[in-house]
Amino acid sequence: MRLSDAHVLLTGATGTIGTALARRLTERGARLTLLARAPDPLHALARSTGGVAFPADLCDPDALRGLVDRVEEGQGPVDVLVNNAAADTAGFLTDLTAEDLRRTIDLNLTAPMELCRQVLPGMLSRGSGHLVNISSLAGVATFPGLALYGGTKAGLTHATSGLRADLRGTPVGTLTAEIGPVASEMMNRIGRHGPSEASFDRVLRARLLSLLEPDDVAVGIVAAIEQGRPHLRLPRRAAPIAAVTGIPRALARIALSGIPTRPAPQRPETQRPETRSAR
């Protein structure tokens, strides 16, 4: 996917990864619509990248409804959708509130799929487009305290695999980015839950994972978009383990090759001539 002059809608733009992505996408010549809840840091980022700020809360059904139409009315068709916004909820399930559950599922799973649903008709009609869903290695192996977060990310990874199957043979590409721990405020917040912090400490000491730098993640995602890769798994040392979980999905795609991805239009039934009984 060529990013030069492409219109990219980036959610979670003011987060650690989002900010790094905005800067790297700008370097590649993309035109950015930047979406996040807090207007002040969002407008500051827009000024520094030449992007357009679009403050919105993706957990608000009214804000989410028709969002892509409103973006495209002002900035033109979206060529690349990057679903980066996420809630980093951590804690024992019974310590979380019903609102914690609702907001995490809404932001991590419902909003990305809804934005994909909104943007796809235009991409398909124009004959080009790219969907990028930023998932997590927590969707591959979930640590204590991350049942909710890991469950939503596993759902996003699996849903993106289904989208890839639906879009087979079309000009719209997909990218699933399964990202491990990143040096960020998000990791600091997760670390406030003792069992989660102890789990990350153990796998980092054992070098099963490494703490990623946000800019390295952004560089990897941008390169994967431009190269048209369907998957990105970071850190690379964890990629083989993460890839194993994708084997059933890959086997399903092979086994179902050739099956139409959308129902064929039904022909109207031939009207039978009216018959009259003889008298």
C-alpha atoms as a PDB file:
ATOM      1  CA  MET A   1       0.000   0.000   0.000  1.00  0.00           C
ATOM      2  CA  ARG A   2       1.491   3.316  -1.075  1.00  0.00           C
ATOM      3  CA  LEU A   3       1.338   5.784   1.824  1.00  0.00           C
ATOM      4  CA  SER A   4       2.469   8.891  -0.015  1.00  0.00           C
ATOM      5  CA  ASP A   5      -0.596  11.188  -0.197  1.00  0.00           C
ATOM      6  CA  ALA A   6      -2.798   8.429   1.256  1.00  0.00           C
ATOM      7  CA  HIS A   7      -5.460   9.575   3.713  1.00  0.00           C
ATOM      8  CA  VAL A   8      -4.908   7.681   6.981  1.00  0.00           C
ATOM      9  CA  LEU A   9      -7.443   7.655   9.807  1.00  0.00           C
ATOM     10  CA  LEU A  10      -5.486   6.879  12.993  1.00  0.00           C
ATOM     11  CA  THR A  11      -7.320   6.183  16.268  1.00  0.00           C
ATOM     12  CA  GLY A  12      -5.655   6.427  19.651  1.00  0.00           C
ATOM     13  CA  ALA A  13      -3.410   9.023  18.072  1.00  0.00           C
ATOM     14  CA  THR A  14      -2.136  10.625  21.272  1.00  0.00           C
ATOM     15  CA  GLY A  15      -1.057   7.379  22.942  1.00  0.00           C
ATOM     16  CA  THR A  16       2.570   6.289  23.011  1.00  0.00           C
ATOM     17  CA  ILE A  17       2.363   4.104  19.900  1.00  0.00           C
ATOM     18  CA  GLY A  18      -0.150   6.430  18.254  1.00  0.00           C
ATOM     19  CA  THR A  19       2.140   9.453  18.507  1.00  0.00           C
ATOM     20  CA  ALA A  20       5.079   7.484  17.084  1.00  0.00           C
ATOM     21  CA  LEU A  21       2.863   6.194  14.278  1.00  0.00           C
ATOM     22  CA  ALA A  22       1.620   9.685  13.438  1.00  0.00           C
ATOM     23  CA  ARG A  23       5.176  10.952  13.038  1.00  0.00           C
ATOM     24  CA  ARG A  24       6.336   7.988  10.946  1.00  0.00           C
ATOM     25  CA  LEU A  25       3.253   8.101   8.712  1.00  0.00           C
ATOM     26  CA  THR A  26       3.844  11.820   8.156  1.00  0.00           C
ATOM     27  CA  GLU A  27       7.430  11.062   7.102  1.00  0.00           C
ATOM     28  CA  ARG A  28       6.040   8.690   4.452  1.00  0.00           C
ATOM     29  CA  GLY A  29       3.875  11.477   3.040  1.00  0.00           C
ATOM     30  CA  ALA A  30       0.512  10.360   4.415  1.00  0.00           C
ATOM     31  CA  ARG A  31      -2.318  12.806   5.097  1.00  0.00           C
ATOM     32  CA  LEU A  32      -3.549  12.186   8.635  1.00  0.00           C
ATOM     33  CA  THR A  33      -6.858  12.426  10.411  1.00  0.00           C
ATOM     34  CA  LEU A  34      -5.968  11.965  14.069  1.00  0.00           C
ATOM     35  CA  LEU A  35      -8.591  10.694  16.477  1.00  0.00           C
ATOM     36  CA  ALA A  36      -8.461  10.642  20.284  1.00  0.00           C
ATOM     37  CA  ARG A  37     -10.603  11.738  23.220  1.00  0.00           C
ATOM     38  CA  ALA A  38      -8.562  14.564  24.743  1.00  0.00           C
ATOM     39  CA  PRO A  39      -8.678  17.598  22.436  1.00  0.00           C
ATOM     40  CA  ASP A  40      -5.666  19.582  23.697  1.00  0.00           C
ATOM     41  CA  PRO A  41      -2.917  16.972  23.115  1.00  0.00           C
ATOM     42  CA  LEU A  42      -4.683  15.916  19.928  1.00  0.00           C
ATOM     43  CA  HIS A  43      -4.587  19.435  18.473  1.00  0.00           C
ATOM     44  CA  ALA A  44      -0.929  19.763  19.507  1.00  0.00           C
ATOM     45  CA  LEU A  45      -0.090  16.538  17.671  1.00  0.00           C
ATOM     46  CA  ALA A  46      -2.044  17.698  14.633  1.00  0.00           C
ATOM     47  CA  ARG A  47      -0.054  20.932  14.538  1.00  0.00           C
ATOM     48  CA  SER A  48       3.276  19.093  14.757  1.00  0.00           C
ATOM     49  CA  THR A  49       2.414  16.548  12.043  1.00  0.00           C
ATOM     50  CA  GLY A  50       0.272  18.627   9.706  1.00  0.00           C
ATOM     51  CA  GLY A  51      -2.658  16.324  10.412  1.00  0.00           C
ATOM     52  CA  VAL A  52      -6.286  17.113  11.193  1.00  0.00           C
ATOM     53  CA  ALA A  53      -7.543  16.652  14.747  1.00  0.00           C
ATOM     54  CA  PHE A  54     -10.833  14.782  15.174  1.00  0.00           C
ATOM     55  CA  PRO A  55     -11.709  14.559  18.883  1.00  0.00           C
ATOM     56  CA  ALA A  56     -14.088  11.669  19.605  1.00  0.00           C
ATOM     57  CA  ASP A  57     -14.829   9.060  22.260  1.00  0.00           C
ATOM     58  CA  LEU A  58     -15.105   5.701  20.502  1.00  0.00           C
ATOM     59  CA  CYS A  59     -17.030   4.286  23.479  1.00  0.00           C
ATOM     60  CA  ASP A  60     -19.831   6.790  22.858  1.00  0.00           C
ATOM     61  CA  PRO A  61     -22.337   5.172  20.471  1.00  0.00           C
ATOM     62  CA  ASP A  62     -23.425   8.579  19.175  1.00  0.00           C
ATOM     63  CA  ALA A  63     -19.822   9.553  18.404  1.00  0.00           C
ATOM     64  CA  LEU A  64     -19.108   6.219  16.721  1.00  0.00           C
ATOM     65  CA  ARG A  65     -22.256   6.218  14.614  1.00  0.00           C
ATOM     66  CA  GLY A  66     -21.462   7.608  11.152  1.00  0.00           C
ATOM     67  CA  LEU A  67     -17.933   8.599  12.193  1.00  0.00           C
ATOM     68  CA  VAL A  68     -16.264   7.621   8.916  1.00  0.00           C
ATOM     69  CA  ASP A  69     -18.848   9.587   6.922  1.00  0.00           C
ATOM     70  CA  ARG A  70     -18.093  12.702   8.988  1.00  0.00           C
ATOM     71  CA  VAL A  71     -14.341  12.256   8.549  1.00  0.00           C
ATOM     72  CA  GLU A  72     -14.686  11.762   4.800  1.00  0.00           C
ATOM     73  CA  GLU A  73     -16.991  14.766   4.415  1.00  0.00           C
ATOM     74  CA  GLY A  74     -14.195  16.988   5.661  1.00  0.00           C
ATOM     75  CA  GLN A  75     -11.030  15.200   4.544  1.00  0.00           C
ATOM     76  CA  GLY A  76     -11.985  12.962   1.642  1.00  0.00           C
ATOM     77  CA  PRO A  77     -12.014   9.164   1.319  1.00  0.00           C
ATOM     78  CA  VAL A  78     -10.080   7.144   3.895  1.00  0.00           C
ATOM     79  CA  ASP A  79      -7.388   5.042   2.204  1.00  0.00           C
ATOM     80  CA  VAL A  80      -5.951   3.443   5.359  1.00  0.00           C
ATOM     81  CA  LEU A  81      -7.729   2.822   8.661  1.00  0.00           C
ATOM     82  CA  VAL A  82      -5.410   2.222  11.634  1.00  0.00           C
ATOM     83  CA  ASN A  83      -7.317   0.976  14.682  1.00  0.00           C
ATOM     84  CA  ASN A  84      -4.805   1.726  17.428  1.00  0.00           C
ATOM     85  CA  ALA A  85      -7.002   2.958  20.313  1.00  0.00           C
ATOM     86  CA  ALA A  86      -7.226   0.521  23.216  1.00  0.00           C
ATOM     87  CA  ALA A  87      -8.045   0.304  26.911  1.00  0.00           C
ATOM     88  CA  ASP A  88      -5.283  -1.278  29.014  1.00  0.00           C
ATOM     89  CA  THR A  89      -7.535  -2.718  31.714  1.00  0.00           C
ATOM     90  CA  ALA A  90      -5.702  -4.898  34.258  1.00  0.00           C
ATOM     91  CA  GLY A  91      -6.935  -6.564  37.424  1.00  0.00           C
ATOM     92  CA  PHE A  92      -8.645  -9.602  38.879  1.00  0.00           C
ATOM     93  CA  LEU A  93     -12.025  -9.910  37.196  1.00  0.00           C
ATOM     94  CA  THR A  94     -14.091  -9.448  40.354  1.00  0.00           C
ATOM     95  CA  ASP A  95     -12.161  -6.268  41.152  1.00  0.00           C
ATOM     96  CA  LEU A  96     -13.275  -4.730  37.866  1.00  0.00           C
ATOM     97  CA  THR A  97     -16.582  -2.940  37.450  1.00  0.00           C
ATOM     98  CA  ALA A  98     -19.280  -3.559  34.891  1.00  0.00           C
ATOM     99  CA  GLU A  99     -18.238  -0.226  33.356  1.00  0.00           C
ATOM    100  CA  ASP A 100     -14.628  -1.467  33.072  1.00  0.00           C
ATOM    101  CA  LEU A 101     -15.864  -4.486  31.107  1.00  0.00           C
ATOM    102  CA  ARG A 102     -18.151  -2.478  28.865  1.00  0.00           C
ATOM    103  CA  ARG A 103     -15.605   0.211  28.044  1.00  0.00           C
ATOM    104  CA  THR A 104     -12.763  -2.248  27.396  1.00  0.00           C
ATOM    105  CA  ILE A 105     -14.839  -4.414  25.062  1.00  0.00           C
ATOM    106  CA  ASP A 106     -16.292  -1.348  23.329  1.00  0.00           C
ATOM    107  CA  LEU A 107     -12.915   0.275  22.720  1.00  0.00           C
ATOM    108  CA  ASN A 108     -10.767  -2.795  22.023  1.00  0.00           C
ATOM    109  CA  LEU A 109     -13.158  -4.825  19.905  1.00  0.00           C
ATOM    110  CA  THR A 110     -16.475  -3.174  19.050  1.00  0.00           C
ATOM    111  CA  ALA A 111     -15.069   0.154  17.815  1.00  0.00           C
ATOM    112  CA  PRO A 112     -12.393  -1.337  15.512  1.00  0.00           C
ATOM    113  CA  MET A 113     -14.879  -3.680  13.882  1.00  0.00           C
ATOM    114  CA  GLU A 114     -17.489  -0.947  13.531  1.00  0.00           C
ATOM    115  CA  LEU A 115     -14.986   1.406  11.898  1.00  0.00           C
ATOM    116  CA  CYS A 116     -13.955  -1.383   9.521  1.00  0.00           C
ATOM    117  CA  ARG A 117     -17.628  -1.905   8.711  1.00  0.00           C
ATOM    118  CA  GLN A 118     -18.102   1.803   8.009  1.00  0.00           C
ATOM    119  CA  VAL A 119     -14.994   2.283   5.877  1.00  0.00           C
ATOM    120  CA  LEU A 120     -15.169  -0.896   3.785  1.00  0.00           C
ATOM    121  CA  PRO A 121     -17.950   0.017   1.317  1.00  0.00           C
ATOM    122  CA  GLY A 122     -16.029   3.057   0.099  1.00  0.00           C
ATOM    123  CA  MET A 123     -12.743   1.147  -0.156  1.00  0.00           C
ATOM    124  CA  LEU A 124     -14.371  -1.642  -2.133  1.00  0.00           C
ATOM    125  CA  SER A 125     -16.143   0.753  -4.490  1.00  0.00           C
ATOM    126  CA  ARG A 126     -12.922   2.717  -5.112  1.00  0.00           C
ATOM    127  CA  GLY A 127     -10.891  -0.456  -5.606  1.00  0.00           C
ATOM    128  CA  SER A 128      -8.249   0.217  -2.950  1.00  0.00           C
ATOM    129  CA  GLY A 129      -7.764   0.420   0.795  1.00  0.00           C
ATOM    130  CA  HIS A 130      -6.063  -1.060   3.820  1.00  0.00           C
ATOM    131  CA  LEU A 131      -7.339  -2.060   7.275  1.00  0.00           C
ATOM    132  CA  VAL A 132      -4.796  -2.124  10.108  1.00  0.00           C
ATOM    133  CA  ASN A 133      -5.777  -3.538  13.488  1.00  0.00           C
ATOM    134  CA  ILE A 134      -3.249  -3.147  16.293  1.00  0.00           C
ATOM    135  CA  SER A 135      -3.629  -6.239  18.464  1.00  0.00           C
ATOM    136  CA  SER A 136      -1.390  -7.718  21.137  1.00  0.00           C
ATOM    137  CA  LEU A 137       0.588 -10.804  22.065  1.00  0.00           C
ATOM    138  CA  ALA A 138      -1.705 -10.819  25.124  1.00  0.00           C
ATOM    139  CA  GLY A 139      -4.225 -12.305  22.697  1.00  0.00           C
ATOM    140  CA  VAL A 140      -1.840 -15.246  22.197  1.00  0.00           C
ATOM    141  CA  ALA A 141      -0.886 -15.939  25.836  1.00  0.00           C
ATOM    142  CA  THR A 142      -2.595 -13.965  28.561  1.00  0.00           C
ATOM    143  CA  PHE A 143      -0.992 -13.213  31.939  1.00  0.00           C
ATOM    144  CA  PRO A 144      -2.762 -13.009  35.302  1.00  0.00           C
ATOM    145  CA  GLY A 145      -4.774  -9.825  35.534  1.00  0.00           C
ATOM    146  CA  LEU A 146      -5.181  -9.519  31.764  1.00  0.00           C
ATOM    147  CA  ALA A 147      -8.150 -11.817  31.182  1.00  0.00           C
ATOM    148  CA  LEU A 148     -10.312  -8.992  29.864  1.00  0.00           C
ATOM    149  CA  TYR A 149      -7.600  -7.203  27.883  1.00  0.00           C
ATOM    150  CA  GLY A 150      -6.217 -10.440  26.420  1.00  0.00           C
ATOM    151  CA  GLY A 151      -9.686 -11.679  25.542  1.00  0.00           C
ATOM    152  CA  THR A 152     -10.510  -8.529  23.567  1.00  0.00           C
ATOM    153  CA  LYS A 153      -7.187  -8.654  21.728  1.00  0.00           C
ATOM    154  CA  ALA A 154      -7.636 -12.341  20.881  1.00  0.00           C
ATOM    155  CA  GLY A 155     -11.041 -11.410  19.522  1.00  0.00           C
ATOM    156  CA  LEU A 156      -9.576  -8.587  17.421  1.00  0.00           C
ATOM    157  CA  THR A 157      -6.896 -10.870  15.967  1.00  0.00           C
ATOM    158  CA  HIS A 158      -9.433 -13.552  15.121  1.00  0.00           C
ATOM    159  CA  ALA A 159     -11.913 -11.059  13.678  1.00  0.00           C
ATOM    160  CA  THR A 160      -9.222  -9.566  11.441  1.00  0.00           C
ATOM    161  CA  SER A 161      -8.410 -13.057  10.183  1.00  0.00           C
ATOM    162  CA  GLY A 162     -12.065 -13.447   9.267  1.00  0.00           C
ATOM    163  CA  LEU A 163     -12.023 -10.084   7.498  1.00  0.00           C
ATOM    164  CA  ARG A 164      -8.998 -11.208   5.516  1.00  0.00           C
ATOM    165  CA  ALA A 165     -10.942 -14.275   4.404  1.00  0.00           C
ATOM    166  CA  ASP A 166     -13.961 -12.132   3.477  1.00  0.00           C
ATOM    167  CA  LEU A 167     -11.773  -9.771   1.446  1.00  0.00           C
ATOM    168  CA  ARG A 168      -9.906 -12.474  -0.464  1.00  0.00           C
ATOM    169  CA  GLY A 169      -9.772 -11.510  -4.135  1.00  0.00           C
ATOM    170  CA  THR A 170     -10.599  -7.854  -3.446  1.00  0.00           C
ATOM    171  CA  PRO A 171      -8.193  -4.888  -3.598  1.00  0.00           C
ATOM    172  CA  VAL A 172      -8.555  -4.192   0.142  1.00  0.00           C
ATOM    173  CA  GLY A 173      -5.702  -5.448   2.322  1.00  0.00           C
ATOM    174  CA  THR A 174      -5.532  -6.207   6.027  1.00  0.00           C
ATOM    175  CA  LEU A 175      -2.749  -6.108   8.597  1.00  0.00           C
ATOM    176  CA  THR A 176      -2.868  -7.668  12.064  1.00  0.00           C
ATOM    177  CA  ALA A 177      -0.109  -6.286  14.290  1.00  0.00           C
ATOM    178  CA  GLU A 178       0.412  -8.444  17.388  1.00  0.00           C
ATOM    179  CA  ILE A 179       2.612  -6.335  19.642  1.00  0.00           C
ATOM    180  CA  GLY A 180       4.358  -7.313  22.870  1.00  0.00           C
ATOM    181  CA  PRO A 181       5.180  -5.036  25.823  1.00  0.00           C
ATOM    182  CA  VAL A 182       6.114  -1.473  24.877  1.00  0.00           C
ATOM    183  CA  ALA A 183       7.909   1.094  27.018  1.00  0.00           C
ATOM    184  CA  SER A 184       4.892   3.294  27.703  1.00  0.00           C
ATOM    185  CA  GLU A 185       2.450   4.691  30.236  1.00  0.00           C
ATOM    186  CA  MET A 186       0.232   1.737  29.385  1.00  0.00           C
ATOM    187  CA  MET A 187       2.858  -0.694  30.683  1.00  0.00           C
ATOM    188  CA  ASN A 188       3.260   1.452  33.784  1.00  0.00           C
ATOM    189  CA  ARG A 189      -0.477   1.223  34.455  1.00  0.00           C
ATOM    190  CA  ILE A 190      -0.557  -2.542  33.894  1.00  0.00           C
ATOM    191  CA  GLY A 191       2.395  -2.826  36.276  1.00  0.00           C
ATOM    192  CA  ARG A 192       0.259  -1.488  39.104  1.00  0.00           C
ATOM    193  CA  HIS A 193      -1.421  -4.902  39.249  1.00  0.00           C
ATOM    194  CA  GLY A 194       1.086  -7.077  41.097  1.00  0.00           C
ATOM    195  CA  PRO A 195       0.484 -10.427  39.341  1.00  0.00           C
ATOM    196  CA  SER A 196       0.708  -8.786  35.900  1.00  0.00           C
ATOM    197  CA  GLU A 197       3.923  -6.985  36.841  1.00  0.00           C
ATOM    198  CA  ALA A 198       5.475 -10.218  38.187  1.00  0.00           C
ATOM    199  CA  SER A 199       4.520 -12.075  35.002  1.00  0.00           C
ATOM    200  CA  PHE A 200       6.133  -9.501  32.734  1.00  0.00           C
ATOM    201  CA  ASP A 201       9.236  -9.372  34.937  1.00  0.00           C
ATOM    202  CA  ARG A 202       9.665 -13.143  34.640  1.00  0.00           C
ATOM    203  CA  VAL A 203       9.306 -13.376  30.835  1.00  0.00           C
ATOM    204  CA  LEU A 204      11.529 -10.329  30.310  1.00  0.00           C
ATOM    205  CA  ARG A 205      14.258 -11.778  32.556  1.00  0.00           C
ATOM    206  CA  ALA A 206      13.977 -15.087  30.700  1.00  0.00           C
ATOM    207  CA  ARG A 207      14.300 -13.156  27.408  1.00  0.00           C
ATOM    208  CA  LEU A 208      11.101 -14.716  26.091  1.00  0.00           C
ATOM    209  CA  LEU A 209       9.991 -11.151  25.402  1.00  0.00           C
ATOM    210  CA  SER A 210      11.796  -7.832  25.191  1.00  0.00           C
ATOM    211  CA  LEU A 211      10.530  -4.358  25.999  1.00  0.00           C
ATOM    212  CA  LEU A 212       9.882  -2.637  22.695  1.00  0.00           C
ATOM    213  CA  GLU A 213      10.580   0.995  21.895  1.00  0.00           C
ATOM    214  CA  PRO A 214       7.501   2.827  20.538  1.00  0.00           C
ATOM    215  CA  ASP A 215       9.332   4.161  17.499  1.00  0.00           C
ATOM    216  CA  ASP A 216      10.549   0.672  16.557  1.00  0.00           C
ATOM    217  CA  VAL A 217       6.940  -0.518  16.670  1.00  0.00           C
ATOM    218  CA  ALA A 218       5.815   2.407  14.504  1.00  0.00           C
ATOM    219  CA  VAL A 219       8.565   1.754  11.951  1.00  0.00           C
ATOM    220  CA  GLY A 220       7.568  -1.908  11.794  1.00  0.00           C
ATOM    221  CA  ILE A 221       3.869  -1.157  11.299  1.00  0.00           C
ATOM    222  CA  VAL A 222       4.495   1.434   8.575  1.00  0.00           C
ATOM    223  CA  ALA A 223       6.827  -0.948   6.728  1.00  0.00           C
ATOM    224  CA  ALA A 224       4.272  -3.770   6.985  1.00  0.00           C
ATOM    225  CA  ILE A 225       1.561  -1.537   5.500  1.00  0.00           C
ATOM    226  CA  GLU A 226       3.760  -0.495   2.592  1.00  0.00           C
ATOM    227  CA  GLN A 227       4.850  -4.083   1.942  1.00  0.00           C
ATOM    228  CA  GLY A 228       1.291  -5.399   2.078  1.00  0.00           C
ATOM    229  CA  ARG A 229       2.106  -7.924   4.799  1.00  0.00           C
ATOM    230  CA  PRO A 230      -0.905  -9.560   6.489  1.00  0.00           C
ATOM    231  CA  HIS A 231       0.858 -10.020   9.851  1.00  0.00           C
ATOM    232  CA  LEU A 232       3.406  -8.256  12.031  1.00  0.00           C
ATOM    233  CA  ARG A 233       4.536  -9.857  15.280  1.00  0.00           C
ATOM    234  CA  LEU A 234       6.899  -8.007  17.627  1.00  0.00           C
ATOM    235  CA  PRO A 235       9.281  -8.676  19.267  1.00  0.00           C
ATOM    236  CA  ARG A 236      10.602 -11.005  16.607  1.00  0.00           C
ATOM    237  CA  ARG A 237      11.798 -13.543  19.181  1.00  0.00           C
ATOM    238  CA  ALA A 238       8.156 -14.185  20.086  1.00  0.00           C
ATOM    239  CA  ALA A 239       6.927 -14.335  16.486  1.00  0.00           C
ATOM    240  CA  PRO A 240       7.302 -18.125  16.007  1.00  0.00           C
ATOM    241  CA  ILE A 241       5.205 -18.860  19.102  1.00  0.00           C
ATOM    242  CA  ALA A 242       2.568 -16.343  18.065  1.00  0.00           C
ATOM    243  CA  ALA A 243       2.519 -17.739  14.540  1.00  0.00           C
ATOM    244  CA  VAL A 244       1.613 -21.190  15.881  1.00  0.00           C
ATOM    245  CA  THR A 245      -1.732 -19.849  17.078  1.00  0.00           C
ATOM    246  CA  GLY A 246      -2.460 -18.705  13.530  1.00  0.00           C
ATOM    247  CA  ILE A 247      -2.011 -22.178  12.017  1.00  0.00           C
ATOM    248  CA  PRO A 248      -5.690 -23.209  12.373  1.00  0.00           C
ATOM    249  CA  ARG A 249      -6.763 -19.973  10.689  1.00  0.00           C
ATOM    250  CA  ALA A 250      -4.256 -20.512   7.864  1.00  0.00           C
ATOM    251  CA  LEU A 251      -5.416 -24.105   7.388  1.00  0.00           C
ATOM    252  CA  ALA A 252      -9.030 -22.932   7.231  1.00  0.00           C
ATOM    253  CA  ARG A 253      -8.162 -20.390   4.522  1.00  0.00           C
ATOM    254  CA  ILE A 254      -6.453 -23.129   2.476  1.00  0.00           C
ATOM    255  CA  ALA A 255      -9.280 -25.608   2.970  1.00  0.00           C
ATOM    256  CA  LEU A 256     -11.913 -23.039   1.995  1.00  0.00           C
ATOM    257  CA  SER A 257     -10.034 -21.660  -1.011  1.00  0.00           C
ATOM    258  CA  GLY A 258     -12.355 -21.031  -3.922  1.00  0.00           C
ATOM    259  CA  ILE A 259     -15.519 -20.653  -1.880  1.00  0.00           C
ATOM    260  CA  PRO A 260     -17.195 -17.323  -2.725  1.00  0.00           C
ATOM    261  CA  THR A 261     -16.651 -14.780   0.018  1.00  0.00           C
ATOM    262  CA  ARG A 262     -19.988 -13.076  -0.601  1.00  0.00           C
ATOM    263  CA  PRO A 263     -23.335 -14.604  -1.552  1.00  0.00           C
ATOM    264  CA  ALA A 264     -24.049 -14.513  -5.271  1.00  0.00           C
ATOM    265  CA  PRO A 265     -26.907 -12.164  -6.169  1.00  0.00           C
ATOM    266  CA  GLN A 266     -30.123 -14.075  -6.413  1.00  0.00           C
ATOM    267  CA  ARG A 267     -31.943 -14.052  -9.693  1.00  0.00           C
ATOM    268  CA  PRO A 268     -35.615 -13.184  -9.583  1.00  0.00           C
ATOM    269  CA  GLU A 269     -37.709 -16.275  -9.915  1.00  0.00           C
ATOM    270  CA  THR A 270     -39.107 -16.813 -13.383  1.00  0.00           C
ATOM    271  CA  GLN A 271     -42.754 -16.004 -13.257  1.00  0.00           C
ATOM    272  CA  ARG A 272     -44.816 -18.925 -14.321  1.00  0.00           C
ATOM    273  CA  PRO A 273     -47.588 -18.209 -16.813  1.00  0.00           C
ATOM    274  CA  GLU A 274     -51.001 -18.243 -15.299  1.00  0.00           C
ATOM    275  CA  THR A 275     -52.987 -21.343 -16.166  1.00  0.00           C
ATOM    276  CA  ARG A 276     -56.737 -21.573 -16.329  1.00  0.00           C
ATOM    277  CA  SER A 277     -58.650 -24.706 -15.809  1.00  0.00           C
ATOM    278  CA  ALA A 278     -60.847 -25.772 -18.731  1.00  0.00           C
ATOM    279  CA  ARG A 279     -64.566 -25.655 -18.172  1.00  0.00           C
END
